C-alpha atoms as a PDB file:
ATOM      1  CA  MET A   1      75.592 118.031  78.042  1.00  0.00           C
ATOM      2  CA  MET A   2      73.771 117.409  81.332  1.00  0.00           C
ATOM      3  CA  ASN A   3      74.828 119.187  84.509  1.00  0.00           C
ATOM      4  CA  ARG A   4      75.235 117.226  87.733  1.00  0.00           C
ATOM      5  CA  THR A   5      71.681 117.818  88.960  1.00  0.00           C
ATOM      6  CA  GLN A   6      70.248 116.534  85.703  1.00  0.00           C
ATOM      7  CA  GLU A   7      72.544 113.506  85.793  1.00  0.00           C
ATOM      8  CA  VAL A   8      71.486 112.716  89.377  1.00  0.00           C
ATOM      9  CA  ASP A   9      67.815 112.960  88.420  1.00  0.00           C
ATOM     10  CA  ARG A  10      68.404 110.622  85.487  1.00  0.00           C
ATOM     11  CA  LEU A  11      70.222 108.050  87.606  1.00  0.00           C
ATOM     12  CA  ARG A  12      67.714 108.231  90.456  1.00  0.00           C
ATOM     13  CA  VAL A  13      65.193 106.226  88.452  1.00  0.00           C
ATOM     14  CA  ASP A  14      67.604 103.297  88.052  1.00  0.00           C
ATOM     15  CA  TYR A  15      68.852 103.402  91.638  1.00  0.00           C
ATOM     16  CA  GLN A  16      65.351 103.492  93.096  1.00  0.00           C
ATOM     17  CA  ARG A  17      64.307 100.577  90.913  1.00  0.00           C
ATOM     18  CA  GLU A  18      67.209  98.544  92.324  1.00  0.00           C
ATOM     19  CA  LEU A  19      66.611  99.614  95.920  1.00  0.00           C
ATOM     20  CA  ALA A  20      62.943  98.663  95.709  1.00  0.00           C
ATOM     21  CA  LEU A  21      64.175  95.046  95.668  1.00  0.00           C
ATOM     22  CA  GLY A  22      65.990  95.545  98.989  1.00  0.00           C
ATOM     23  CA  THR A  23      69.688  95.296  99.911  1.00  0.00           C
ATOM     24  CA  ASP A  24      69.693  91.873 101.586  1.00  0.00           C
ATOM     25  CA  ARG A  25      70.212  90.311  98.159  1.00  0.00           C
ATOM     26  CA  PHE A  26      73.582  92.069  97.951  1.00  0.00           C
ATOM     27  CA  HIS A  27      75.049  89.805 100.658  1.00  0.00           C
ATOM     28  CA  THR A  28      76.244  86.212 100.660  1.00  0.00           C
ATOM     29  CA  PRO A  29      75.116  83.897 103.488  1.00  0.00           C
ATOM     30  CA  LYS A  30      76.729  84.776 106.794  1.00  0.00           C
ATOM     31  CA  ARG A  31      79.883  82.810 107.554  1.00  0.00           C
ATOM     32  CA  THR A  32      80.132  80.746 110.705  1.00  0.00           C
ATOM     33  CA  MET A  33      83.864  80.097 110.297  1.00  0.00           C
ATOM     34  CA  CYS A  34      86.891  82.298 109.707  1.00  0.00           C
ATOM     35  CA  PRO A  35      87.805  82.360 106.000  1.00  0.00           C
ATOM     36  CA  TRP A  36      91.493  82.498 106.934  1.00  0.00           C
ATOM     37  CA  CYS A  37      91.979  79.715 109.507  1.00  0.00           C
ATOM     38  CA  GLY A  38      88.600  77.960 109.652  1.00  0.00           C
ATOM     39  CA  SER A  39      87.959  78.696 113.329  1.00  0.00           C
ATOM     40  CA  SER A  40      84.362  79.065 114.502  1.00  0.00           C
ATOM     41  CA  ARG A  41      85.409  81.398 117.324  1.00  0.00           C
ATOM     42  CA  LEU A  42      84.208  84.708 115.879  1.00  0.00           C
ATOM     43  CA  ARG A  43      83.297  88.019 117.447  1.00  0.00           C
ATOM     44  CA  THR A  44      81.701  91.144 116.012  1.00  0.00           C
ATOM     45  CA  ARG A  45      84.352  93.828 115.657  1.00  0.00           C
ATOM     46  CA  LEU A  46      82.298  96.525 113.942  1.00  0.00           C
ATOM     47  CA  ARG A  47      78.743  97.198 112.847  1.00  0.00           C
ATOM     48  CA  THR A  48      78.229 100.255 110.676  1.00  0.00           C
ATOM     49  CA  VAL A  49      76.530 101.819 107.673  1.00  0.00           C
ATOM     50  CA  ASP A  50      77.938 103.372 104.509  1.00  0.00           C
ATOM     51  CA  LEU A  51      79.515 106.522 105.953  1.00  0.00           C
ATOM     52  CA  LEU A  52      81.093 107.417 102.604  1.00  0.00           C
ATOM     53  CA  GLN A  53      78.277 107.583 100.065  1.00  0.00           C
ATOM     54  CA  HIS A  54      75.341 106.979 102.409  1.00  0.00           C
ATOM     55  CA  LYS A  55      73.931 104.208 100.263  1.00  0.00           C
ATOM     56  CA  PRO A  56      71.424 102.052 102.199  1.00  0.00           C
ATOM     57  CA  GLY A  57      72.600  98.962 104.041  1.00  0.00           C
ATOM     58  CA  THR A  58      74.264  97.726 107.215  1.00  0.00           C
ATOM     59  CA  PHE A  59      77.714  96.127 107.272  1.00  0.00           C
ATOM     60  CA  VAL A  60      79.430  93.954 109.859  1.00  0.00           C
ATOM     61  CA  ILE A  61      83.109  93.151 110.331  1.00  0.00           C
ATOM     62  CA  ASP A  62      83.749  89.999 112.337  1.00  0.00           C
ATOM     63  CA  GLN A  63      87.089  89.021 113.802  1.00  0.00           C
ATOM     64  CA  CYS A  64      88.489  85.565 114.427  1.00  0.00           C
ATOM     65  CA  ARG A  65      89.444  85.043 118.068  1.00  0.00           C
ATOM     66  CA  ASP A  66      92.114  82.532 117.049  1.00  0.00           C
ATOM     67  CA  CYS A  67      94.036  84.129 114.140  1.00  0.00           C
ATOM     68  CA  SER A  68      92.729  87.743 114.472  1.00  0.00           C
ATOM     69  CA  HIS A  69      91.706  87.930 110.788  1.00  0.00           C
ATOM     70  CA  SER A  70      88.902  90.479 110.306  1.00  0.00           C
ATOM     71  CA  PHE A  71      86.404  90.201 107.483  1.00  0.00           C
ATOM     72  CA  GLN A  72      83.096  91.555 106.255  1.00  0.00           C
ATOM     73  CA  ASN A  73      80.368  89.127 107.323  1.00  0.00           C
ATOM     74  CA  PRO A  74      78.113  88.620 105.487  1.00  0.00           C
ATOM     75  CA  GLN A  75      80.247  89.565 102.513  1.00  0.00           C
ATOM     76  CA  LEU A  76      78.957  91.485  99.520  1.00  0.00           C
ATOM     77  CA  THR A  77      78.166  89.513  96.378  1.00  0.00           C
ATOM     78  CA  PRO A  78      79.586  90.633  92.998  1.00  0.00           C
ATOM     79  CA  GLU A  79      76.250  92.367  92.396  1.00  0.00           C
ATOM     80  CA  GLY A  80      76.534  94.079  95.755  1.00  0.00           C
ATOM     81  CA  LEU A  81      80.097  95.190  95.096  1.00  0.00           C
ATOM     82  CA  ASP A  82      78.980  96.645  91.777  1.00  0.00           C
ATOM     83  CA  PHE A  83      76.190  98.566  93.496  1.00  0.00           C
ATOM     84  CA  TYR A  84      78.335 100.042  96.264  1.00  0.00           C
ATOM     85  CA  TYR A  85      81.343 100.840  94.058  1.00  0.00           C
ATOM     86  CA  ARG A  86      79.215 102.509  91.410  1.00  0.00           C
ATOM     87  CA  ASP A  87      79.691 106.284  91.207  1.00  0.00           C
ATOM     88  CA  PHE A  88      82.513 106.186  93.751  1.00  0.00           C
ATOM     89  CA  TYR A  89      85.633 106.042  91.566  1.00  0.00           C
ATOM     90  CA  ASP A  90      83.822 106.724  88.316  1.00  0.00           C
ATOM     91  CA  GLY A  91      80.593 108.368  87.192  1.00  0.00           C
ATOM     92  CA  LEU A  92      79.428 110.944  89.733  1.00  0.00           C
ATOM     93  CA  GLY A  93      82.502 110.358  91.901  1.00  0.00           C
ATOM     94  CA  ALA A  94      85.137 110.488  89.176  1.00  0.00           C
ATOM     95  CA  ASP A  95      86.223 114.102  89.690  1.00  0.00           C
ATOM     96  CA  LEU A  96      86.576 113.723  93.452  1.00  0.00           C
ATOM     97  CA  ALA A  97      88.473 110.440  93.087  1.00  0.00           C
ATOM     98  CA  GLU A  98      90.861 112.036  90.592  1.00  0.00           C
ATOM     99  CA  TRP A  99      91.473 114.941  92.977  1.00  0.00           C
ATOM    100  CA  VAL A 100      92.150 112.613  95.920  1.00  0.00           C
ATOM    101  CA  PHE A 101      94.428 110.101  94.203  1.00  0.00           C
ATOM    102  CA  ASP A 102      96.413 112.752  92.354  1.00  0.00           C
ATOM    103  CA  GLY A 103      96.941 114.822  95.495  1.00  0.00           C
ATOM    104  CA  LYS A 104     100.342 115.866  96.838  1.00  0.00           C
ATOM    105  CA  GLY A 105     100.086 113.545  99.852  1.00  0.00           C
ATOM    106  CA  ASN A 106      99.409 110.530  97.695  1.00  0.00           C
ATOM    107  CA  ARG A 107     102.273 111.372  95.336  1.00  0.00           C
ATOM    108  CA  LYS A 108     104.664 111.345  98.309  1.00  0.00           C
ATOM    109  CA  ARG A 109     103.319 107.938  99.290  1.00  0.00           C
ATOM    110  CA  TYR A 110     103.705 106.626  95.728  1.00  0.00           C
ATOM    111  CA  LEU A 111     107.332 107.755  95.680  1.00  0.00           C
ATOM    112  CA  ALA A 112     108.074 106.021  98.984  1.00  0.00           C
ATOM    113  CA  SER A 113     106.460 102.822  97.726  1.00  0.00           C
ATOM    114  CA  ALA A 114     108.455 102.896  94.493  1.00  0.00           C
ATOM    115  CA  ARG A 115     111.719 103.446  96.378  1.00  0.00           C
ATOM    116  CA  ALA A 116     111.031 100.374  98.507  1.00  0.00           C
ATOM    117  CA  LEU A 117     112.019  98.241  95.481  1.00  0.00           C
ATOM    118  CA  LEU A 118     115.376  99.970  94.915  1.00  0.00           C
ATOM    119  CA  PRO A 119     117.379  97.497  97.064  1.00  0.00           C
ATOM    120  CA  PHE A 120     116.235  94.636  94.827  1.00  0.00           C
ATOM    121  CA  GLY A 121     117.482  95.876  91.485  1.00  0.00           C
ATOM    122  CA  ALA A 122     115.900  97.693  88.565  1.00  0.00           C
ATOM    123  CA  PRO A 123     112.510  96.269  87.535  1.00  0.00           C
ATOM    124  CA  ARG A 124     112.151  95.558  83.849  1.00  0.00           C
ATOM    125  CA  ARG A 125     108.390  95.230  83.585  1.00  0.00           C
ATOM    126  CA  TRP A 126     106.006  96.069  86.426  1.00  0.00           C
ATOM    127  CA  LEU A 127     102.304  95.225  86.780  1.00  0.00           C
ATOM    128  CA  ASP A 128     100.367  97.511  89.106  1.00  0.00           C
ATOM    129  CA  VAL A 129      97.318  95.519  90.234  1.00  0.00           C
ATOM    130  CA  GLY A 130      94.319  97.670  91.160  1.00  0.00           C
ATOM    131  CA  THR A 131      95.925 100.604  89.395  1.00  0.00           C
ATOM    132  CA  GLY A 132      92.746 102.676  89.073  1.00  0.00           C
ATOM    133  CA  HIS A 133      93.619 105.665  86.892  1.00  0.00           C
ATOM    134  CA  GLY A 134      97.335 104.842  86.963  1.00  0.00           C
ATOM    135  CA  HIS A 135      98.542 107.477  89.390  1.00  0.00           C
ATOM    136  CA  PHE A 136     101.107 105.192  91.032  1.00  0.00           C
ATOM    137  CA  PRO A 137     102.843 104.161  87.777  1.00  0.00           C
ATOM    138  CA  GLN A 138     102.917 107.775  86.644  1.00  0.00           C
ATOM    139  CA  THR A 139     104.810 108.777  89.794  1.00  0.00           C
ATOM    140  CA  ALA A 140     106.902 105.596  90.118  1.00  0.00           C
ATOM    141  CA  ARG A 141     108.365 106.188  86.668  1.00  0.00           C
ATOM    142  CA  THR A 142     110.397 109.072  88.136  1.00  0.00           C
ATOM    143  CA  VAL A 143     112.095 106.531  90.451  1.00  0.00           C
ATOM    144  CA  HIS A 144     112.391 103.736  87.869  1.00  0.00           C
ATOM    145  CA  PRO A 145     112.720 105.524  84.513  1.00  0.00           C
ATOM    146  CA  ALA A 146     113.786 102.392  82.613  1.00  0.00           C
ATOM    147  CA  THR A 147     110.838 100.310  83.816  1.00  0.00           C
ATOM    148  CA  THR A 148     107.754  99.575  81.713  1.00  0.00           C
ATOM    149  CA  PHE A 149     104.637  99.944  83.832  1.00  0.00           C
ATOM    150  CA  ASP A 150     101.388  98.160  82.980  1.00  0.00           C
ATOM    151  CA  GLY A 151      98.146  98.372  84.928  1.00  0.00           C
ATOM    152  CA  LEU A 152      95.322  96.008  85.813  1.00  0.00           C
ATOM    153  CA  ASP A 153      91.940  96.996  87.152  1.00  0.00           C
ATOM    154  CA  LEU A 154      88.312  95.968  86.982  1.00  0.00           C
ATOM    155  CA  SER A 155      87.105  99.478  86.191  1.00  0.00           C
ATOM    156  CA  GLY A 156      87.399 101.544  83.032  1.00  0.00           C
ATOM    157  CA  GLY A 157      89.911 103.768  84.795  1.00  0.00           C
ATOM    158  CA  VAL A 158      92.694 101.485  83.584  1.00  0.00           C
ATOM    159  CA  ASP A 159      91.802 102.270  79.968  1.00  0.00           C
ATOM    160  CA  GLU A 160      91.887 105.972  80.775  1.00  0.00           C
ATOM    161  CA  ALA A 161      95.301 105.470  82.404  1.00  0.00           C
ATOM    162  CA  LYS A 162      96.609 104.096  79.120  1.00  0.00           C
ATOM    163  CA  ARG A 163      95.060 106.962  77.138  1.00  0.00           C
ATOM    164  CA  GLN A 164      96.771 109.407  79.481  1.00  0.00           C
ATOM    165  CA  GLY A 165     100.113 107.655  78.976  1.00  0.00           C
ATOM    166  CA  ARG A 166     100.395 106.659  82.633  1.00  0.00           C
ATOM    167  CA  ILE A 167     100.776 102.963  81.756  1.00  0.00           C
ATOM    168  CA  ALA A 168     101.971 101.120  78.671  1.00  0.00           C
ATOM    169  CA  GLU A 169      99.348  98.362  78.636  1.00  0.00           C
ATOM    170  CA  ALA A 170      95.910  98.196  80.236  1.00  0.00           C
ATOM    171  CA  HIS A 171      94.493  94.900  81.465  1.00  0.00           C
ATOM    172  CA  ARG A 172      90.845  95.198  82.421  1.00  0.00           C
ATOM    173  CA  GLY A 173      89.373  92.470  84.580  1.00  0.00           C
ATOM    174  CA  LEU A 174      90.205  90.328  87.605  1.00  0.00           C
ATOM    175  CA  LEU A 175      93.792  89.254  88.241  1.00  0.00           C
ATOM    176  CA  THR A 176      92.606  85.750  89.088  1.00  0.00           C
ATOM    177  CA  GLU A 177      91.022  85.473  85.628  1.00  0.00           C
ATOM    178  CA  LEU A 178      93.714  87.227  83.583  1.00  0.00           C
ATOM    179  CA  ALA A 179      96.753  85.631  85.242  1.00  0.00           C
ATOM    180  CA  PRO A 180      97.003  82.591  82.911  1.00  0.00           C
ATOM    181  CA  LYS A 181      97.286  84.892  79.880  1.00  0.00           C
ATOM    182  CA  LEU A 182      99.989  86.938  81.621  1.00  0.00           C
ATOM    183  CA  GLU A 183     102.010  84.011  82.970  1.00  0.00           C
ATOM    184  CA  GLY A 184     105.659  84.885  83.578  1.00  0.00           C
ATOM    185  CA  THR A 185     105.317  88.343  81.990  1.00  0.00           C
ATOM    186  CA  TYR A 186     106.438  90.537  84.892  1.00  0.00           C
ATOM    187  CA  ASP A 187     109.436  90.678  87.188  1.00  0.00           C
ATOM    188  CA  THR A 188     107.572  93.026  89.564  1.00  0.00           C
ATOM    189  CA  ALA A 189     103.960  93.290  90.668  1.00  0.00           C
ATOM    190  CA  SER A 190     102.386  95.644  93.163  1.00  0.00           C
ATOM    191  CA  MET A 191      99.204  95.529  95.219  1.00  0.00           C
ATOM    192  CA  PHE A 192      98.810  98.870  96.950  1.00  0.00           C
ATOM    193  CA  HIS A 193      95.699  98.890  99.136  1.00  0.00           C
ATOM    194  CA  TYR A 194      94.208  96.258  96.885  1.00  0.00           C
ATOM    195  CA  LEU A 195      94.014  92.974  98.817  1.00  0.00           C
ATOM    196  CA  GLU A 196      91.538  94.374 101.341  1.00  0.00           C
ATOM    197  CA  HIS A 197      89.087  94.955  98.484  1.00  0.00           C
ATOM    198  CA  THR A 198      89.221  91.388  97.161  1.00  0.00           C
ATOM    199  CA  THR A 199      86.840  88.531  97.873  1.00  0.00           C
ATOM    200  CA  ASP A 200      89.650  85.966  98.175  1.00  0.00           C
ATOM    201  CA  PRO A 201      93.085  87.393  99.056  1.00  0.00           C
ATOM    202  CA  ARG A 202      94.727  83.959  98.896  1.00  0.00           C
ATOM    203  CA  ALA A 203      93.635  83.502  95.281  1.00  0.00           C
ATOM    204  CA  GLU A 204      95.071  86.936  94.451  1.00  0.00           C
ATOM    205  CA  LEU A 205      98.463  86.041  95.934  1.00  0.00           C
ATOM    206  CA  THR A 206      98.485  82.795  93.978  1.00  0.00           C
ATOM    207  CA  ALA A 207      97.601  84.634  90.767  1.00  0.00           C
ATOM    208  CA  ALA A 208     100.434  87.081  91.401  1.00  0.00           C
ATOM    209  CA  ARG A 209     102.895  84.158  91.446  1.00  0.00           C
ATOM    210  CA  THR A 210     101.577  83.156  88.029  1.00  0.00           C
ATOM    211  CA  VAL A 211     102.268  86.521  86.399  1.00  0.00           C
ATOM    212  CA  LEU A 212     105.701  86.883  88.040  1.00  0.00           C
ATOM    213  CA  THR A 213     108.928  85.484  86.683  1.00  0.00           C
ATOM    214  CA  PRO A 214     110.919  83.206  89.030  1.00  0.00           C
ATOM    215  CA  GLY A 215     112.748  85.528  91.401  1.00  0.00           C
ATOM    216  CA  GLY A 216     110.370  88.397  90.622  1.00  0.00           C
ATOM    217  CA  HIS A 217     109.096  90.615  93.423  1.00  0.00           C
ATOM    218  CA  LEU A 218     105.629  91.297  94.800  1.00  0.00           C
ATOM    219  CA  ILE A 219     105.157  94.441  96.892  1.00  0.00           C
ATOM    220  CA  ILE A 220     102.017  94.740  99.021  1.00  0.00           C
ATOM    221  CA  GLU A 221     100.644  97.534 101.170  1.00  0.00           C
ATOM    222  CA  VAL A 222      97.463  97.087 103.222  1.00  0.00           C
ATOM    223  CA  PRO A 223      95.755  98.687 106.234  1.00  0.00           C
ATOM    224  CA  ASP A 224      96.983  97.388 109.570  1.00  0.00           C
ATOM    225  CA  PRO A 225      93.997  96.051 111.568  1.00  0.00           C
ATOM    226  CA  GLU A 226      96.197  95.984 114.673  1.00  0.00           C
ATOM    227  CA  CYS A 227      96.511  99.785 114.576  1.00  0.00           C
ATOM    228  CA  VAL A 228      95.480 101.258 117.937  1.00  0.00           C
ATOM    229  CA  SER A 229      93.504 103.995 116.159  1.00  0.00           C
ATOM    230  CA  SER A 230      90.971 101.401 114.992  1.00  0.00           C
ATOM    231  CA  ALA A 231      89.892 100.883 118.605  1.00  0.00           C
ATOM    232  CA  ILE A 232      90.014 104.580 119.494  1.00  0.00           C
ATOM    233  CA  LEU A 233      88.083 105.881 116.468  1.00  0.00           C
ATOM    234  CA  GLY A 234      85.732 102.932 115.971  1.00  0.00           C
ATOM    235  CA  ARG A 235      83.448 103.245 112.963  1.00  0.00           C
ATOM    236  CA  TYR A 236      85.145 106.530 112.058  1.00  0.00           C
ATOM    237  CA  TRP A 237      88.532 104.857 111.498  1.00  0.00           C
ATOM    238  CA  MET A 238      88.821 105.455 107.758  1.00  0.00           C
ATOM    239  CA  PRO A 239      90.638 102.171 106.892  1.00  0.00           C
ATOM    240  CA  TYR A 240      87.511 100.216 107.881  1.00  0.00           C
ATOM    241  CA  PHE A 241      86.166 101.777 104.668  1.00  0.00           C
ATOM    242  CA  GLN A 242      82.847  99.993 104.616  1.00  0.00           C
ATOM    243  CA  PRO A 243      81.416  98.539 102.510  1.00  0.00           C
ATOM    244  CA  GLN A 244      84.461  98.302 100.200  1.00  0.00           C
ATOM    245  CA  HIS A 245      87.026  96.635 102.465  1.00  0.00           C
ATOM    246  CA  LEU A 246      86.254  92.926 102.722  1.00  0.00           C
ATOM    247  CA  HIS A 247      89.368  91.655 104.544  1.00  0.00           C
ATOM    248  CA  LEU A 248      91.702  93.232 107.111  1.00  0.00           C
ATOM    249  CA  ILE A 249      94.752  90.978 107.390  1.00  0.00           C
ATOM    250  CA  PRO A 250      97.188  91.054 110.328  1.00  0.00           C
ATOM    251  CA  LEU A 251     100.833  91.212 109.311  1.00  0.00           C
ATOM    252  CA  ALA A 252     101.746  87.808 110.744  1.00  0.00           C
ATOM    253  CA  ASN A 253      98.909  86.130 108.832  1.00  0.00           C
ATOM    254  CA  LEU A 254      99.893  87.651 105.497  1.00  0.00           C
ATOM    255  CA  ARG A 255     103.556  86.842 106.001  1.00  0.00           C
ATOM    256  CA  ARG A 256     102.824  83.185 106.798  1.00  0.00           C
ATOM    257  CA  GLU A 257     100.494  82.914 103.817  1.00  0.00           C
ATOM    258  CA  LEU A 258     103.079  84.289 101.422  1.00  0.00           C
ATOM    259  CA  GLU A 259     105.670  81.834 102.693  1.00  0.00           C
ATOM    260  CA  SER A 260     103.249  78.922 102.446  1.00  0.00           C
ATOM    261  CA  LEU A 261     102.604  79.803  98.787  1.00  0.00           C
ATOM    262  CA  GLY A 262     106.308  79.687  97.950  1.00  0.00           C
ATOM    263  CA  TYR A 263     107.317  83.315  98.325  1.00  0.00           C
ATOM    264  CA  THR A 264     110.295  84.478 100.354  1.00  0.00           C
ATOM    265  CA  VAL A 265     109.582  87.593 102.394  1.00  0.00           C
ATOM    266  CA  VAL A 266     112.591  89.873 101.895  1.00  0.00           C
ATOM    267  CA  ALA A 267     111.400  93.097 103.538  1.00  0.00           C
ATOM    268  CA  VAL A 268     108.749  94.186 106.033  1.00  0.00           C
ATOM    269  CA  GLU A 269     107.992  97.799 106.925  1.00  0.00           C
ATOM    270  CA  ARG A 270     105.348  98.417 109.559  1.00  0.00           C
ATOM    271  CA  HIS A 271     105.625 102.156 110.054  1.00  0.00           C
ATOM    272  CA  GLU A 272     106.773 104.086 106.979  1.00  0.00           C
ATOM    273  CA  PRO A 273     103.606 103.255 104.910  1.00  0.00           C
ATOM    274  CA  HIS A 274     101.406 105.037 107.483  1.00  0.00           C
ATOM    275  CA  ILE A 275      98.863 107.326 105.800  1.00  0.00           C
ATOM    276  CA  PRO A 276      98.472 110.410 108.037  1.00  0.00           C
ATOM    277  CA  PHE A 277      94.725 110.784 107.645  1.00  0.00           C
ATOM    278  CA  ASP A 278      93.121 108.937 110.586  1.00  0.00           C
ATOM    279  CA  LEU A 279      92.137 112.016 112.598  1.00  0.00           C
ATOM    280  CA  THR A 280      91.228 114.074 109.542  1.00  0.00           C
ATOM    281  CA  GLY A 281      89.266 111.202 108.033  1.00  0.00           C
ATOM    282  CA  ALA A 282      87.363 110.657 111.278  1.00  0.00           C
ATOM    283  CA  ALA A 283      86.533 114.361 111.465  1.00  0.00           C
ATOM    284  CA  VAL A 284      85.347 114.395 107.851  1.00  0.00           C
ATOM    285  CA  LEU A 285      83.187 111.300 108.329  1.00  0.00           C
ATOM    286  CA  ALA A 286      81.666 112.692 111.526  1.00  0.00           C
ATOM    287  CA  LEU A 287      80.933 116.008 109.828  1.00  0.00           C
ATOM    288  CA  VAL A 288      79.375 114.712 106.619  1.00  0.00           C
ATOM    289  CA  ASN A 289      77.197 112.311 108.622  1.00  0.00           C
ATOM    290  CA  ALA A 290      75.916 115.193 110.745  1.00  0.00           C
ATOM    291  CA  LEU A 291      75.014 117.320 107.704  1.00  0.00           C
ATOM    292  CA  PRO A 292      71.769 117.144 105.722  1.00  0.00           C
ATOM    293  CA  LEU A 293      72.097 114.531 102.970  1.00  0.00           C
ATOM    294  CA  ALA A 294      73.583 115.566  99.640  1.00  0.00           C
ATOM    295  CA  ASP A 295      71.671 115.183  96.398  1.00  0.00           C
ATOM    296  CA  GLU A 296      72.543 111.652  95.333  1.00  0.00           C
ATOM    297  CA  PRO A 297      70.481 109.316  93.139  1.00  0.00           C
ATOM    298  CA  TRP A 298      70.326 106.560  95.771  1.00  0.00           C
ATOM    299  CA  HIS A 299      68.243 108.890  97.951  1.00  0.00           C
ATOM    300  CA  ALA A 300      64.543 108.701  97.131  1.00  0.00           C
ATOM    301  CA  ALA A 301      64.101 112.446  96.745  1.00  0.00           C
ATOM    302  CA  PRO A 302      66.385 115.448  96.288  1.00  0.00           C
ATOM    303  CA  PRO A 303      67.011 117.713  99.294  1.00  0.00           C
ATOM    304  CA  SER A 304      65.014 120.886  99.703  1.00  0.00           C
ATOM    305  CA  ASP A 305      66.562 124.271  98.985  1.00  0.00           C
ATOM    306  CA  LEU A 306      66.827 124.857 102.742  1.00  0.00           C
ATOM    307  CA  GLN A 307      68.660 121.577 103.208  1.00  0.00           C
ATOM    308  CA  ARG A 308      71.053 122.379 100.366  1.00  0.00           C
ATOM    309  CA  LYS A 309      71.854 125.799 101.808  1.00  0.00           C
ATOM    310  CA  ALA A 310      72.253 124.419 105.333  1.00  0.00           C
ATOM    311  CA  ARG A 311      74.622 121.692 104.129  1.00  0.00           C
ATOM    312  CA  THR A 312      76.791 124.179 102.241  1.00  0.00           C
ATOM    313  CA  ALA A 313      76.885 126.697 105.094  1.00  0.00           C
ATOM    314  CA  LEU A 314      77.676 124.122 107.781  1.00  0.00           C
ATOM    315  CA  PHE A 315      80.347 122.448 105.707  1.00  0.00           C
ATOM    316  CA  TRP A 316      82.243 125.626 104.933  1.00  0.00           C
ATOM    317  CA  SER A 317      81.932 126.872 108.488  1.00  0.00           C
ATOM    318  CA  ALA A 318      83.670 123.673 109.605  1.00  0.00           C
ATOM    319  CA  ALA A 319      86.365 123.905 106.914  1.00  0.00           C
ATOM    320  CA  PRO A 320      88.869 125.857 109.090  1.00  0.00           C
ATOM    321  CA  LEU A 321      88.563 123.219 111.819  1.00  0.00           C
ATOM    322  CA  LEU A 322      89.165 120.405 109.328  1.00  0.00           C
ATOM    323  CA  ALA A 323      92.170 122.251 107.946  1.00  0.00           C
ATOM    324  CA  GLY A 324      93.559 122.612 111.459  1.00  0.00           C
ATOM    325  CA  VAL A 325      93.124 118.909 112.195  1.00  0.00           C
ATOM    326  CA  TYR A 326      94.788 118.015 108.897  1.00  0.00           C
ATOM    327  CA  GLY A 327      97.735 120.328 109.545  1.00  0.00           C
ATOM    328  CA  ALA A 328      98.269 118.963 113.042  1.00  0.00           C
ATOM    329  CA  GLU A 329      98.096 115.396 111.774  1.00  0.00           C
ATOM    330  CA  GLN A 330     100.761 116.048 109.144  1.00  0.00           C
ATOM    331  CA  LEU A 331     103.039 117.519 111.795  1.00  0.00           C
ATOM    332  CA  LEU A 332     102.494 114.489 114.026  1.00  0.00           C
ATOM    333  CA  ALA A 333     102.987 111.988 111.190  1.00  0.00           C
ATOM    334  CA  PRO A 334     106.711 111.291 111.865  1.00  0.00           C
ATOM    335  CA  LEU A 335     105.853 110.435 115.477  1.00  0.00           C
ATOM    336  CA  LEU A 336     102.808 108.330 114.609  1.00  0.00           C
ATOM    337  CA  ARG A 337     104.824 106.320 112.090  1.00  0.00           C
ATOM    338  CA  ARG A 338     107.028 105.051 114.923  1.00  0.00           C
ATOM    339  CA  THR A 339     104.145 103.839 117.097  1.00  0.00           C
ATOM    340  CA  ARG A 340     101.279 101.359 117.077  1.00  0.00           C
ATOM    341  CA  LEU A 341      99.201 104.211 115.644  1.00  0.00           C
ATOM    342  CA  SER A 342     100.725 103.515 112.224  1.00  0.00           C
ATOM    343  CA  ASN A 343      97.759 102.419 110.100  1.00  0.00           C
ATOM    344  CA  ALA A 344      99.398 100.451 107.260  1.00  0.00           C
ATOM    345  CA  TYR A 345     102.241  98.058 106.579  1.00  0.00           C
ATOM    346  CA  ARG A 346     104.295  96.901 103.597  1.00  0.00           C
ATOM    347  CA  ILE A 347     105.672  93.501 102.609  1.00  0.00           C
ATOM    348  CA  VAL A 348     108.083  92.770  99.761  1.00  0.00           C
ATOM    349  CA  ALA A 349     108.251  89.109  98.744  1.00  0.00           C
ATOM    350  CA  ARG A 350     110.344  87.264  96.164  1.00  0.00           C
ATOM    351  CA  ASN A 351     108.683  84.693  93.938  1.00  0.00           C
ATOM    352  CA  GLY A 352     110.508  81.551  95.013  1.00  0.00           C
ATOM    353  CA  THR A 353     112.019  80.119  98.139  1.00  0.00           C
ATOM    354  CA  ALA A 354     115.383  81.198  99.453  1.00  0.00           C
ATOM    355  CA  SER A 355     118.370  79.458  97.850  1.00  0.00           C
END
């Protein structure tokens, strides 16, 4: 069995072969109109690089001056998405992703999200869209013990979630493609921090109506692009999450879209879904981008021994500071949740118009 260094060396050949062709091919043509309202009145909101994995490329988020929708422009192609997602949630990044998504903070968030459906009755069968490795269903089952949870995801993590017993059925692929086969199967569907990753959020919302029974509920949580922290922290505001986040949808836009598709919005929560990680995330991003590069296969050559040692020493010397920032942010979380610094919102919608 290869160790990580050997695996990186093996993968470097393939990555360098791809990168020799350039990264421009990973982008669609630049839009001149807002994909949400069709306005041509656009402004550049953010220009950045991949601060997460440090894969090559530059990414731009434009914002519509009329409807305030923000979107990656030019947007990544399916090939580009495959390149930039690779080794983030799986492969080389699998262990870190598992540690993050199974952490105590995330479990508390999963519980809060599951409880948000309690006022609307007991779900019978629930589809978690973008389930990853199934951490939400695993936790939500403690709130809804009689509910059958299935998962849908494009990655192989959904198959692992089934093997681990976190979900009953695994659906691998795109919701927009699988929806006809799942028509009317579920009385509940969830999209937790999923829509922002999709190329066409409207198509996803339409597909969700297909899989839901009449009167079924869709629960959505997404980053709030109107959060004040986005302006204060700039490129280091973690929810920008480039290059993975393709759309940042203001609450009013998403609510109107749901209603236009035939949903009835039955609950909106703008503060409780806040993820208390803005300051910590900004500090982490600033730190890792100041350190010598790690040994990753998308870098042309491995770091020297001196660079490796310097990276390790600098990181651990900064660890107490990061821990202090994290602790302070958790203490401030109840206050931040009640302000415009809240970085996420939740909508619960019923499939069907009000009677």
